[in-house]
Amino acid sequence: MTDSTALDPEDRKIVTLARSARARNGVPEGAAVRDETGRTYVAGTVALDSLKLSALQTAVAMAVASGATSLEAAAVVTETETVSPKDLAAVRDLGGARTPVLVAGPDGTVRTTITAG
């Protein structure tokens, strides 16, 4: 586990935003990504009959739809211990294989940081 206070302030910010999205929307996951200009995009899980997206996929899609051309970092708040290969692929598609993905529990404690690669 990683002490969230030891994180870079910008990484701590995206973890906090992801946690807030999860709590506010009452969804299984919240996510946030930071693009190459420092803008952040926040999302929760999308679970419609016709559309299913994880929070991280939704956050990446929001970044792309807003004109982002790269990602600096991503964060997901979830009860699970890992991130799905599809989520990592979405981050990798926009940010590249070395983009860090912070995985935090519902309390905001970062469990691990992995790369999208």
PDB file of N, CA and C in Angstrom:
ATOM      1  N   MET A   1       0.827  -1.188   0.000  1.00  0.00           N
ATOM      2  CA  MET A   1       0.000   0.000   0.000  1.00  0.00           C
ATOM      3  C   MET A   1       0.870   1.250   0.000  1.00  0.00           C
ATOM      4  N   THR A   2       0.339   2.277  -0.584  1.00  0.00           N
ATOM      5  CA  THR A   2       1.059   3.540  -0.682  1.00  0.00           C
ATOM      6  C   THR A   2       0.335   4.584   0.143  1.00  0.00           C
ATOM      7  N   ASP A   3       1.085   5.270   0.967  1.00  0.00           N
ATOM      8  CA  ASP A   3       0.510   6.381   1.719  1.00  0.00           C
ATOM      9  C   ASP A   3       0.152   7.476   0.726  1.00  0.00           C
ATOM     10  N   SER A   4      -1.140   7.785   0.621  1.00  0.00           N
ATOM     11  CA  SER A   4      -1.591   8.764  -0.364  1.00  0.00           C
ATOM     12  C   SER A   4      -0.982  10.136  -0.136  1.00  0.00           C
ATOM     13  N   THR A   5      -0.562  10.444   1.075  1.00  0.00           N
ATOM     14  CA  THR A   5       0.045  11.738   1.331  1.00  0.00           C
ATOM     15  C   THR A   5       1.447  11.804   0.741  1.00  0.00           C
ATOM     16  N   ALA A   6       2.049  10.641   0.443  1.00  0.00           N
ATOM     17  CA  ALA A   6       3.384  10.608  -0.145  1.00  0.00           C
ATOM     18  C   ALA A   6       3.332  10.778  -1.665  1.00  0.00           C
ATOM     19  N   LEU A   7       2.147  10.777  -2.234  1.00  0.00           N
ATOM     20  CA  LEU A   7       2.002  10.936  -3.671  1.00  0.00           C
ATOM     21  C   LEU A   7       2.296  12.365  -4.101  1.00  0.00           C
ATOM     22  N   ASP A   8       2.707  12.501  -5.345  1.00  0.00           N
ATOM     23  CA  ASP A   8       2.798  13.814  -5.976  1.00  0.00           C
ATOM     24  C   ASP A   8       1.428  14.481  -5.844  1.00  0.00           C
ATOM     25  N   PRO A   9       1.378  15.780  -5.599  1.00  0.00           N
ATOM     26  CA  PRO A   9       0.078  16.455  -5.423  1.00  0.00           C
ATOM     27  C   PRO A   9      -0.877  16.266  -6.610  1.00  0.00           C
ATOM     28  N   GLU A  10      -0.354  16.232  -7.823  1.00  0.00           N
ATOM     29  CA  GLU A  10      -1.218  16.040  -8.995  1.00  0.00           C
ATOM     30  C   GLU A  10      -1.777  14.624  -9.055  1.00  0.00           C
ATOM     31  N   ASP A  11      -0.992  13.643  -8.608  1.00  0.00           N
ATOM     32  CA  ASP A  11      -1.495  12.268  -8.545  1.00  0.00           C
ATOM     33  C   ASP A  11      -2.523  12.126  -7.425  1.00  0.00           C
ATOM     34  N   ARG A  12      -2.255  12.771  -6.301  1.00  0.00           N
ATOM     35  CA  ARG A  12      -3.211  12.745  -5.191  1.00  0.00           C
ATOM     36  C   ARG A  12      -4.541  13.352  -5.639  1.00  0.00           C
ATOM     37  N   LYS A  13      -4.465  14.401  -6.457  1.00  0.00           N
ATOM     38  CA  LYS A  13      -5.671  15.050  -6.965  1.00  0.00           C
ATOM     39  C   LYS A  13      -6.517  14.094  -7.797  1.00  0.00           C
ATOM     40  N   ILE A  14      -5.898  13.330  -8.708  1.00  0.00           N
ATOM     41  CA  ILE A  14      -6.722  12.445  -9.539  1.00  0.00           C
ATOM     42  C   ILE A  14      -7.287  11.272  -8.737  1.00  0.00           C
ATOM     43  N   VAL A  15      -6.575  10.832  -7.713  1.00  0.00           N
ATOM     44  CA  VAL A  15      -7.135   9.797  -6.838  1.00  0.00           C
ATOM     45  C   VAL A  15      -8.350  10.351  -6.096  1.00  0.00           C
ATOM     46  N   THR A  16      -8.235  11.564  -5.578  1.00  0.00           N
ATOM     47  CA  THR A  16      -9.355  12.198  -4.868  1.00  0.00           C
ATOM     48  C   THR A  16     -10.551  12.404  -5.796  1.00  0.00           C
ATOM     49  N   LEU A  17     -10.296  12.850  -7.015  1.00  0.00           N
ATOM     50  CA  LEU A  17     -11.384  13.039  -7.986  1.00  0.00           C
ATOM     51  C   LEU A  17     -12.059  11.711  -8.326  1.00  0.00           C
ATOM     52  N   ALA A  18     -11.269  10.671  -8.508  1.00  0.00           N
ATOM     53  CA  ALA A  18     -11.831   9.350  -8.816  1.00  0.00           C
ATOM     54  C   ALA A  18     -12.677   8.836  -7.652  1.00  0.00           C
ATOM     55  N   ARG A  19     -12.174   9.025  -6.451  1.00  0.00           N
ATOM     56  CA  ARG A  19     -12.917   8.596  -5.258  1.00  0.00           C
ATOM     57  C   ARG A  19     -14.238   9.356  -5.136  1.00  0.00           C
ATOM     58  N   SER A  20     -14.198  10.650  -5.400  1.00  0.00           N
ATOM     59  CA  SER A  20     -15.405  11.474  -5.327  1.00  0.00           C
ATOM     60  C   SER A  20     -16.443  11.047  -6.366  1.00  0.00           C
ATOM     61  N   ALA A  21     -15.990  10.741  -7.585  1.00  0.00           N
ATOM     62  CA  ALA A  21     -16.917  10.308  -8.637  1.00  0.00           C
ATOM     63  C   ALA A  21     -17.609   9.011  -8.244  1.00  0.00           C
ATOM     64  N   ARG A  22     -16.852   8.091  -7.671  1.00  0.00           N
ATOM     65  CA  ARG A  22     -17.415   6.807  -7.243  1.00  0.00           C
ATOM     66  C   ARG A  22     -18.473   7.024  -6.170  1.00  0.00           C
ATOM     67  N   ALA A  23     -18.150   7.818  -5.182  1.00  0.00           N
ATOM     68  CA  ALA A  23     -19.080   8.057  -4.075  1.00  0.00           C
ATOM     69  C   ALA A  23     -20.304   8.856  -4.514  1.00  0.00           C
ATOM     70  N   ARG A  24     -20.077   9.906  -5.270  1.00  0.00           N
ATOM     71  CA  ARG A  24     -21.171  10.788  -5.700  1.00  0.00           C
ATOM     72  C   ARG A  24     -22.186  10.059  -6.567  1.00  0.00           C
ATOM     73  N   ASN A  25     -21.700   9.198  -7.438  1.00  0.00           N
ATOM     74  CA  ASN A  25     -22.589   8.515  -8.383  1.00  0.00           C
ATOM     75  C   ASN A  25     -23.039   7.135  -7.918  1.00  0.00           C
ATOM     76  N   GLY A  26     -22.501   6.666  -6.815  1.00  0.00           N
ATOM     77  CA  GLY A  26     -22.890   5.362  -6.290  1.00  0.00           C
ATOM     78  C   GLY A  26     -22.586   4.222  -7.250  1.00  0.00           C
ATOM     79  N   VAL A  27     -21.431   4.305  -7.915  1.00  0.00           N
ATOM     80  CA  VAL A  27     -21.034   3.301  -8.905  1.00  0.00           C
ATOM     81  C   VAL A  27     -19.884   2.453  -8.365  1.00  0.00           C
ATOM     82  N   PRO A  28     -19.658   1.278  -8.980  1.00  0.00           N
ATOM     83  CA  PRO A  28     -18.596   0.405  -8.479  1.00  0.00           C
ATOM     84  C   PRO A  28     -17.187   0.985  -8.577  1.00  0.00           C
ATOM     85  N   GLU A  29     -16.952   1.829  -9.597  1.00  0.00           N
ATOM     86  CA  GLU A  29     -15.628   2.395  -9.788  1.00  0.00           C
ATOM     87  C   GLU A  29     -15.720   3.874 -10.144  1.00  0.00           C
ATOM     88  N   GLY A  30     -14.701   4.603  -9.734  1.00  0.00           N
ATOM     89  CA  GLY A  30     -14.513   5.980 -10.171  1.00  0.00           C
ATOM     90  C   GLY A  30     -13.123   6.078 -10.764  1.00  0.00           C
ATOM     91  N   ALA A  31     -12.950   6.935 -11.747  1.00  0.00           N
ATOM     92  CA  ALA A  31     -11.637   7.078 -12.372  1.00  0.00           C
ATOM     93  C   ALA A  31     -11.401   8.531 -12.747  1.00  0.00           C
ATOM     94  N   ALA A  32     -10.129   8.866 -12.885  1.00  0.00           N
ATOM     95  CA  ALA A  32      -9.733  10.179 -13.370  1.00  0.00           C
ATOM     96  C   ALA A  32      -8.447  10.014 -14.159  1.00  0.00           C
ATOM     97  N   VAL A  33      -8.317  10.797 -15.214  1.00  0.00           N
ATOM     98  CA  VAL A  33      -7.087  10.821 -15.993  1.00  0.00           C
ATOM     99  C   VAL A  33      -6.632  12.266 -16.126  1.00  0.00           C
ATOM    100  N   ARG A  34      -5.314  12.431 -16.298  1.00  0.00           N
ATOM    101  CA  ARG A  34      -4.732  13.760 -16.489  1.00  0.00           C
ATOM    102  C   ARG A  34      -4.048  13.769 -17.852  1.00  0.00           C
ATOM    103  N   ASP A  35      -4.396  14.755 -18.677  1.00  0.00           N
ATOM    104  CA  ASP A  35      -3.817  14.799 -20.021  1.00  0.00           C
ATOM    105  C   ASP A  35      -2.488  15.548 -20.039  1.00  0.00           C
ATOM    106  N   GLU A  36      -1.932  15.684 -21.229  1.00  0.00           N
ATOM    107  CA  GLU A  36      -0.612  16.289 -21.403  1.00  0.00           C
ATOM    108  C   GLU A  36      -0.562  17.757 -21.020  1.00  0.00           C
ATOM    109  N   THR A  37      -1.703  18.403 -20.894  1.00  0.00           N
ATOM    110  CA  THR A  37      -1.730  19.817 -20.497  1.00  0.00           C
ATOM    111  C   THR A  37      -2.076  20.002 -19.027  1.00  0.00           C
ATOM    112  N   GLY A  38      -2.336  18.894 -18.324  1.00  0.00           N
ATOM    113  CA  GLY A  38      -2.701  18.966 -16.914  1.00  0.00           C
ATOM    114  C   GLY A  38      -4.193  18.972 -16.656  1.00  0.00           C
ATOM    115  N   ARG A  39      -4.995  18.984 -17.723  1.00  0.00           N
ATOM    116  CA  ARG A  39      -6.452  18.927 -17.529  1.00  0.00           C
ATOM    117  C   ARG A  39      -6.835  17.535 -17.028  1.00  0.00           C
ATOM    118  N   THR A  40      -7.883  17.492 -16.219  1.00  0.00           N
ATOM    119  CA  THR A  40      -8.354  16.217 -15.684  1.00  0.00           C
ATOM    120  C   THR A  40      -9.753  15.907 -16.200  1.00  0.00           C
ATOM    121  N   TYR A  41     -10.011  14.610 -16.308  1.00  0.00           N
ATOM    122  CA  TYR A  41     -11.306  14.106 -16.762  1.00  0.00           C
ATOM    123  C   TYR A  41     -11.717  13.034 -15.764  1.00  0.00           C
ATOM    124  N   VAL A  42     -12.933  13.142 -15.269  1.00  0.00           N
ATOM    125  CA  VAL A  42     -13.408  12.290 -14.185  1.00  0.00           C
ATOM    126  C   VAL A  42     -14.651  11.549 -14.635  1.00  0.00           C
ATOM    127  N   ALA A  43     -14.764  10.279 -14.250  1.00  0.00           N
ATOM    128  CA  ALA A  43     -15.914   9.485 -14.677  1.00  0.00           C
ATOM    129  C   ALA A  43     -16.184   8.357 -13.698  1.00  0.00           C
ATOM    130  N   GLY A  44     -17.392   7.836 -13.806  1.00  0.00           N
ATOM    131  CA  GLY A  44     -17.785   6.641 -13.078  1.00  0.00           C
ATOM    132  C   GLY A  44     -18.139   5.545 -14.067  1.00  0.00           C
ATOM    133  N   THR A  45     -18.416   4.389 -13.547  1.00  0.00           N
ATOM    134  CA  THR A  45     -18.838   3.263 -14.363  1.00  0.00           C
ATOM    135  C   THR A  45     -20.119   3.616 -15.109  1.00  0.00           C
ATOM    136  N   VAL A  46     -20.209   3.208 -16.370  1.00  0.00           N
ATOM    137  CA  VAL A  46     -21.427   3.377 -17.170  1.00  0.00           C
ATOM    138  C   VAL A  46     -22.027   1.986 -17.349  1.00  0.00           C
ATOM    139  N   ALA A  47     -23.255   1.808 -16.873  1.00  0.00           N
ATOM    140  CA  ALA A  47     -23.912   0.500 -16.953  1.00  0.00           C
ATOM    141  C   ALA A  47     -25.332   0.663 -17.473  1.00  0.00           C
ATOM    142  N   LEU A  48     -25.440   0.936 -18.769  1.00  0.00           N
ATOM    143  CA  LEU A  48     -26.737   1.022 -19.436  1.00  0.00           C
ATOM    144  C   LEU A  48     -27.021  -0.306 -20.118  1.00  0.00           C
ATOM    145  N   ASP A  49     -28.270  -0.535 -20.462  1.00  0.00           N
ATOM    146  CA  ASP A  49     -28.582  -1.761 -21.189  1.00  0.00           C
ATOM    147  C   ASP A  49     -27.796  -1.851 -22.494  1.00  0.00           C
ATOM    148  N   SER A  50     -27.634  -0.721 -23.166  1.00  0.00           N
ATOM    149  CA  SER A  50     -26.984  -0.729 -24.475  1.00  0.00           C
ATOM    150  C   SER A  50     -25.511  -0.326 -24.448  1.00  0.00           C
ATOM    151  N   LEU A  51     -24.987   0.081 -23.291  1.00  0.00           N
ATOM    152  CA  LEU A  51     -23.608   0.553 -23.216  1.00  0.00           C
ATOM    153  C   LEU A  51     -23.008   0.221 -21.857  1.00  0.00           C
ATOM    154  N   LYS A  52     -21.903  -0.492 -21.867  1.00  0.00           N
ATOM    155  CA  LYS A  52     -21.183  -0.842 -20.639  1.00  0.00           C
ATOM    156  C   LYS A  52     -19.732  -0.389 -20.783  1.00  0.00           C
ATOM    157  N   LEU A  53     -19.324   0.525 -19.915  1.00  0.00           N
ATOM    158  CA  LEU A  53     -17.944   1.011 -19.891  1.00  0.00           C
ATOM    159  C   LEU A  53     -17.468   1.083 -18.455  1.00  0.00           C
ATOM    160  N   SER A  54     -16.234   0.717 -18.251  1.00  0.00           N
ATOM    161  CA  SER A  54     -15.655   0.901 -16.919  1.00  0.00           C
ATOM    162  C   SER A  54     -15.421   2.394 -16.701  1.00  0.00           C
ATOM    163  N   ALA A  55     -15.169   2.748 -15.474  1.00  0.00           N
ATOM    164  CA  ALA A  55     -14.894   4.159 -15.160  1.00  0.00           C
ATOM    165  C   ALA A  55     -13.650   4.646 -15.893  1.00  0.00           C
ATOM    166  N   LEU A  56     -12.623   3.810 -15.960  1.00  0.00           N
ATOM    167  CA  LEU A  56     -11.389   4.224 -16.619  1.00  0.00           C
ATOM    168  C   LEU A  56     -11.593   4.380 -18.128  1.00  0.00           C
ATOM    169  N   GLN A  57     -12.324   3.464 -18.744  1.00  0.00           N
ATOM    170  CA  GLN A  57     -12.628   3.604 -20.170  1.00  0.00           C
ATOM    171  C   GLN A  57     -13.413   4.893 -20.428  1.00  0.00           C
ATOM    172  N   THR A  58     -14.352   5.200 -19.563  1.00  0.00           N
ATOM    173  CA  THR A  58     -15.161   6.408 -19.722  1.00  0.00           C
ATOM    174  C   THR A  58     -14.311   7.660 -19.571  1.00  0.00           C
ATOM    175  N   ALA A  59     -13.411   7.679 -18.597  1.00  0.00           N
ATOM    176  CA  ALA A  59     -12.544   8.839 -18.395  1.00  0.00           C
ATOM    177  C   ALA A  59     -11.626   9.051 -19.595  1.00  0.00           C
ATOM    178  N   VAL A  60     -11.090   7.969 -20.144  1.00  0.00           N
ATOM    179  CA  VAL A  60     -10.241   8.080 -21.334  1.00  0.00           C
ATOM    180  C   VAL A  60     -11.067   8.597 -22.507  1.00  0.00           C
ATOM    181  N   ALA A  61     -12.271   8.073 -22.683  1.00  0.00           N
ATOM    182  CA  ALA A  61     -13.141   8.535 -23.775  1.00  0.00           C
ATOM    183  C   ALA A  61     -13.464  10.017 -23.626  1.00  0.00           C
ATOM    184  N   MET A  62     -13.690  10.477 -22.407  1.00  0.00           N
ATOM    185  CA  MET A  62     -13.966  11.895 -22.179  1.00  0.00           C
ATOM    186  C   MET A  62     -12.747  12.749 -22.554  1.00  0.00           C
ATOM    187  N   ALA A  63     -11.560  12.267 -22.231  1.00  0.00           N
ATOM    188  CA  ALA A  63     -10.342  12.997 -22.585  1.00  0.00           C
ATOM    189  C   ALA A  63     -10.201  13.095 -24.101  1.00  0.00           C
ATOM    190  N   VAL A  64     -10.399  11.980 -24.785  1.00  0.00           N
ATOM    191  CA  VAL A  64     -10.293  11.979 -26.247  1.00  0.00           C
ATOM    192  C   VAL A  64     -11.337  12.905 -26.855  1.00  0.00           C
ATOM    193  N   ALA A  65     -12.567  12.818 -26.368  1.00  0.00           N
ATOM    194  CA  ALA A  65     -13.649  13.648 -26.902  1.00  0.00           C
ATOM    195  C   ALA A  65     -13.398  15.136 -26.655  1.00  0.00           C
ATOM    196  N   SER A  66     -12.572  15.452 -25.671  1.00  0.00           N
ATOM    197  CA  SER A  66     -12.262  16.844 -25.358  1.00  0.00           C
ATOM    198  C   SER A  66     -10.989  17.336 -26.040  1.00  0.00           C
ATOM    199  N   GLY A  67     -10.375  16.472 -26.847  1.00  0.00           N
ATOM    200  CA  GLY A  67      -9.211  16.888 -27.610  1.00  0.00           C
ATOM    201  C   GLY A  67      -7.857  16.522 -27.042  1.00  0.00           C
ATOM    202  N   ALA A  68      -7.815  15.743 -25.977  1.00  0.00           N
ATOM    203  CA  ALA A  68      -6.526  15.329 -25.415  1.00  0.00           C
ATOM    204  C   ALA A  68      -5.785  14.460 -26.435  1.00  0.00           C
ATOM    205  N   THR A  69      -4.477  14.638 -26.489  1.00  0.00           N
ATOM    206  CA  THR A  69      -3.670  13.839 -27.407  1.00  0.00           C
ATOM    207  C   THR A  69      -2.746  12.869 -26.685  1.00  0.00           C
ATOM    208  N   SER A  70      -2.671  12.960 -25.355  1.00  0.00           N
ATOM    209  CA  SER A  70      -1.832  12.076 -24.563  1.00  0.00           C
ATOM    210  C   SER A  70      -2.296  12.119 -23.111  1.00  0.00           C
ATOM    211  N   LEU A  71      -1.838  11.171 -22.325  1.00  0.00           N
ATOM    212  CA  LEU A  71      -2.131  11.145 -20.886  1.00  0.00           C
ATOM    213  C   LEU A  71      -0.833  11.146 -20.103  1.00  0.00           C
ATOM    214  N   GLU A  72      -0.852  11.836 -18.975  1.00  0.00           N
ATOM    215  CA  GLU A  72       0.277  11.803 -18.042  1.00  0.00           C
ATOM    216  C   GLU A  72       0.088  10.711 -16.998  1.00  0.00           C
ATOM    217  N   ALA A  73      -1.172  10.504 -16.556  1.00  0.00           N
ATOM    218  CA  ALA A  73      -1.439   9.541 -15.492  1.00  0.00           C
ATOM    219  C   ALA A  73      -2.924   9.224 -15.446  1.00  0.00           C
ATOM    220  N   ALA A  74      -3.233   8.120 -14.796  1.00  0.00           N
ATOM    221  CA  ALA A  74      -4.617   7.701 -14.599  1.00  0.00           C
ATOM    222  C   ALA A  74      -4.753   7.145 -13.183  1.00  0.00           C
ATOM    223  N   ALA A  75      -5.972   7.218 -12.661  1.00  0.00           N
ATOM    224  CA  ALA A  75      -6.258   6.643 -11.348  1.00  0.00           C
ATOM    225  C   ALA A  75      -7.631   6.002 -11.384  1.00  0.00           C
ATOM    226  N   VAL A  76      -7.757   4.890 -10.696  1.00  0.00           N
ATOM    227  CA  VAL A  76      -9.048   4.226 -10.572  1.00  0.00           C
ATOM    228  C   VAL A  76      -9.251   3.853  -9.110  1.00  0.00           C
ATOM    229  N   VAL A  77     -10.450   4.099  -8.606  1.00  0.00           N
ATOM    230  CA  VAL A  77     -10.822   3.726  -7.244  1.00  0.00           C
ATOM    231  C   VAL A  77     -11.827   2.598  -7.365  1.00  0.00           C
ATOM    232  N   THR A  78     -11.490   1.469  -6.766  1.00  0.00           N
ATOM    233  CA  THR A  78     -12.273   0.256  -6.938  1.00  0.00           C
ATOM    234  C   THR A  78     -12.072  -0.671  -5.749  1.00  0.00           C
ATOM    235  N   GLU A  79     -12.998  -1.590  -5.579  1.00  0.00           N
ATOM    236  CA  GLU A  79     -12.833  -2.605  -4.545  1.00  0.00           C
ATOM    237  C   GLU A  79     -11.974  -3.765  -5.030  1.00  0.00           C
ATOM    238  N   THR A  80     -11.826  -3.896  -6.345  1.00  0.00           N
ATOM    239  CA  THR A  80     -11.009  -4.988  -6.881  1.00  0.00           C
ATOM    240  C   THR A  80      -9.533  -4.678  -6.688  1.00  0.00           C
ATOM    241  N   GLU A  81      -8.714  -5.684  -6.831  1.00  0.00           N
ATOM    242  CA  GLU A  81      -7.282  -5.537  -6.583  1.00  0.00           C
ATOM    243  C   GLU A  81      -6.485  -5.130  -7.817  1.00  0.00           C
ATOM    244  N   THR A  82      -7.103  -5.195  -8.987  1.00  0.00           N
ATOM    245  CA  THR A  82      -6.359  -4.957 -10.209  1.00  0.00           C
ATOM    246  C   THR A  82      -7.205  -4.199 -11.225  1.00  0.00           C
ATOM    247  N   VAL A  83      -6.599  -3.901 -12.344  1.00  0.00           N
ATOM    248  CA  VAL A  83      -7.269  -3.209 -13.443  1.00  0.00           C
ATOM    249  C   VAL A  83      -7.359  -4.186 -14.609  1.00  0.00           C
ATOM    250  N   SER A  84      -8.482  -4.178 -15.303  1.00  0.00           N
ATOM    251  CA  SER A  84      -8.674  -5.131 -16.395  1.00  0.00           C
ATOM    252  C   SER A  84      -7.758  -4.808 -17.570  1.00  0.00           C
ATOM    253  N   PRO A  85      -7.449  -5.815 -18.378  1.00  0.00           N
ATOM    254  CA  PRO A  85      -6.647  -5.572 -19.578  1.00  0.00           C
ATOM    255  C   PRO A  85      -7.291  -4.549 -20.526  1.00  0.00           C
ATOM    256  N   LYS A  86      -8.613  -4.526 -20.612  1.00  0.00           N
ATOM    257  CA  LYS A  86      -9.291  -3.548 -21.471  1.00  0.00           C
ATOM    258  C   LYS A  86      -9.079  -2.132 -20.952  1.00  0.00           C
ATOM    259  N   ASP A  87      -9.084  -1.951 -19.644  1.00  0.00           N
ATOM    260  CA  ASP A  87      -8.829  -0.632 -19.059  1.00  0.00           C
ATOM    261  C   ASP A  87      -7.401  -0.183 -19.357  1.00  0.00           C
ATOM    262  N   LEU A  88      -6.448  -1.087 -19.165  1.00  0.00           N
ATOM    263  CA  LEU A  88      -5.056  -0.747 -19.447  1.00  0.00           C
ATOM    264  C   LEU A  88      -4.865  -0.428 -20.929  1.00  0.00           C
ATOM    265  N   ALA A  89      -5.560  -1.158 -21.791  1.00  0.00           N
ATOM    266  CA  ALA A  89      -5.456  -0.906 -23.231  1.00  0.00           C
ATOM    267  C   ALA A  89      -5.959   0.496 -23.576  1.00  0.00           C
ATOM    268  N   ALA A  90      -7.049   0.925 -22.954  1.00  0.00           N
ATOM    269  CA  ALA A  90      -7.587   2.267 -23.216  1.00  0.00           C
ATOM    270  C   ALA A  90      -6.580   3.334 -22.810  1.00  0.00           C
ATOM    271  N   VAL A  91      -5.965   3.169 -21.643  1.00  0.00           N
ATOM    272  CA  VAL A  91      -4.958   4.127 -21.178  1.00  0.00           C
ATOM    273  C   VAL A  91      -3.749   4.093 -22.117  1.00  0.00           C
ATOM    274  N   ARG A  92      -3.318   2.904 -22.486  1.00  0.00           N
ATOM    275  CA  ARG A  92      -2.164   2.750 -23.369  1.00  0.00           C
ATOM    276  C   ARG A  92      -2.416   3.378 -24.749  1.00  0.00           C
ATOM    277  N   ASP A  93      -3.623   3.207 -25.265  1.00  0.00           N
ATOM    278  CA  ASP A  93      -3.959   3.771 -26.579  1.00  0.00           C
ATOM    279  C   ASP A  93      -3.749   5.278 -26.627  1.00  0.00           C
ATOM    280  N   LEU A  94      -4.079   5.969 -25.551  1.00  0.00           N
ATOM    281  CA  LEU A  94      -3.942   7.423 -25.533  1.00  0.00           C
ATOM    282  C   LEU A  94      -2.630   7.876 -24.907  1.00  0.00           C
ATOM    283  N   GLY A  95      -2.197   7.195 -23.871  1.00  0.00           N
ATOM    284  CA  GLY A  95      -1.042   7.675 -23.119  1.00  0.00           C
ATOM    285  C   GLY A  95       0.269   6.966 -23.387  1.00  0.00           C
ATOM    286  N   GLY A  96       0.199   5.784 -23.954  1.00  0.00           N
ATOM    287  CA  GLY A  96       1.407   5.002 -24.166  1.00  0.00           C
ATOM    288  C   GLY A  96       1.617   3.978 -23.067  1.00  0.00           C
ATOM    289  N   ALA A  97       2.526   3.064 -23.334  1.00  0.00           N
ATOM    290  CA  ALA A  97       2.759   1.925 -22.446  1.00  0.00           C
ATOM    291  C   ALA A  97       3.298   2.312 -21.074  1.00  0.00           C
ATOM    292  N   ARG A  98       3.970   3.456 -20.964  1.00  0.00           N
ATOM    293  CA  ARG A  98       4.583   3.841 -19.689  1.00  0.00           C
ATOM    294  C   ARG A  98       3.678   4.699 -18.810  1.00  0.00           C
ATOM    295  N   THR A  99       2.456   4.954 -19.240  1.00  0.00           N
ATOM    296  CA  THR A  99       1.547   5.791 -18.458  1.00  0.00           C
ATOM    297  C   THR A  99       1.229   5.101 -17.130  1.00  0.00           C
ATOM    298  N   PRO A 100       1.469   5.769 -16.005  1.00  0.00           N
ATOM    299  CA  PRO A 100       1.164   5.161 -14.707  1.00  0.00           C
ATOM    300  C   PRO A 100      -0.344   5.134 -14.436  1.00  0.00           C
ATOM    301  N   VAL A 101      -0.780   4.019 -13.869  1.00  0.00           N
ATOM    302  CA  VAL A 101      -2.174   3.849 -13.454  1.00  0.00           C
ATOM    303  C   VAL A 101      -2.162   3.555 -11.964  1.00  0.00           C
ATOM    304  N   LEU A 102      -2.719   4.474 -11.181  1.00  0.00           N
ATOM    305  CA  LEU A 102      -2.784   4.301  -9.737  1.00  0.00           C
ATOM    306  C   LEU A 102      -4.080   3.566  -9.403  1.00  0.00           C
ATOM    307  N   VAL A 103      -3.976   2.477  -8.660  1.00  0.00           N
ATOM    308  CA  VAL A 103      -5.139   1.685  -8.268  1.00  0.00           C
ATOM    309  C   VAL A 103      -5.346   1.880  -6.774  1.00  0.00           C
ATOM    310  N   ALA A 104      -6.496   2.465  -6.419  1.00  0.00           N
ATOM    311  CA  ALA A 104      -6.773   2.787  -5.013  1.00  0.00           C
ATOM    312  C   ALA A 104      -8.040   2.100  -4.544  1.00  0.00           C
ATOM    313  N   GLY A 105      -8.104   1.863  -3.257  1.00  0.00           N
ATOM    314  CA  GLY A 105      -9.304   1.311  -2.649  1.00  0.00           C
ATOM    315  C   GLY A 105     -10.329   2.407  -2.405  1.00  0.00           C
ATOM    316  N   PRO A 106     -11.519   2.023  -1.973  1.00  0.00           N
ATOM    317  CA  PRO A 106     -12.588   2.995  -1.729  1.00  0.00           C
ATOM    318  C   PRO A 106     -12.215   4.090  -0.726  1.00  0.00           C
ATOM    319  N   ASP A 107     -11.256   3.817   0.147  1.00  0.00           N
ATOM    320  CA  ASP A 107     -10.834   4.832   1.118  1.00  0.00           C
ATOM    321  C   ASP A 107      -9.801   5.797   0.539  1.00  0.00           C
ATOM    322  N   GLY A 108      -9.405   5.578  -0.726  1.00  0.00           N
ATOM    323  CA  GLY A 108      -8.436   6.445  -1.375  1.00  0.00           C
ATOM    324  C   GLY A 108      -6.990   6.033  -1.206  1.00  0.00           C
ATOM    325  N   THR A 109      -6.748   4.958  -0.465  1.00  0.00           N
ATOM    326  CA  THR A 109      -5.382   4.473  -0.291  1.00  0.00           C
ATOM    327  C   THR A 109      -4.925   3.780  -1.568  1.00  0.00           C
ATOM    328  N   VAL A 110      -3.817   4.244  -2.117  1.00  0.00           N
ATOM    329  CA  VAL A 110      -3.291   3.640  -3.337  1.00  0.00           C
ATOM    330  C   VAL A 110      -2.684   2.289  -2.989  1.00  0.00           C
ATOM    331  N   ARG A 111      -3.222   1.252  -3.618  1.00  0.00           N
ATOM    332  CA  ARG A 111      -2.729  -0.115  -3.376  1.00  0.00           C
ATOM    333  C   ARG A 111      -1.490  -0.412  -4.204  1.00  0.00           C
ATOM    334  N   THR A 112      -1.522   0.066  -5.457  1.00  0.00           N
ATOM    335  CA  THR A 112      -0.413  -0.213  -6.357  1.00  0.00           C
ATOM    336  C   THR A 112      -0.428   0.811  -7.498  1.00  0.00           C
ATOM    337  N   THR A 113       0.702   0.963  -8.106  1.00  0.00           N
ATOM    338  CA  THR A 113       0.822   1.757  -9.326  1.00  0.00           C
ATOM    339  C   THR A 113       1.421   0.847 -10.373  1.00  0.00           C
ATOM    340  N   ILE A 114       0.712   0.726 -11.497  1.00  0.00           N
ATOM    341  CA  ILE A 114       1.166  -0.110 -12.594  1.00  0.00           C
ATOM    342  C   ILE A 114       1.306   0.766 -13.830  1.00  0.00           C
ATOM    343  N   THR A 115       1.918   0.246 -14.856  1.00  0.00           N
ATOM    344  CA  THR A 115       1.970   0.983 -16.114  1.00  0.00           C
ATOM    345  C   THR A 115       0.947   0.372 -17.070  1.00  0.00           C
ATOM    346  N   ALA A 116       0.545   1.160 -18.034  1.00  0.00           N
ATOM    347  CA  ALA A 116      -0.468   0.719 -18.987  1.00  0.00           C
ATOM    348  C   ALA A 116       0.069  -0.331 -19.952  1.00  0.00           C
ATOM    349  N   GLY A 117       1.406  -0.456 -20.018  1.00  0.00           N
ATOM    350  CA  GLY A 117       2.055  -1.317 -20.996  1.00  0.00           C
ATOM    351  C   GLY A 117       1.926  -2.747 -20.753  1.00  0.00           C
TER     352      GLY A 117
END
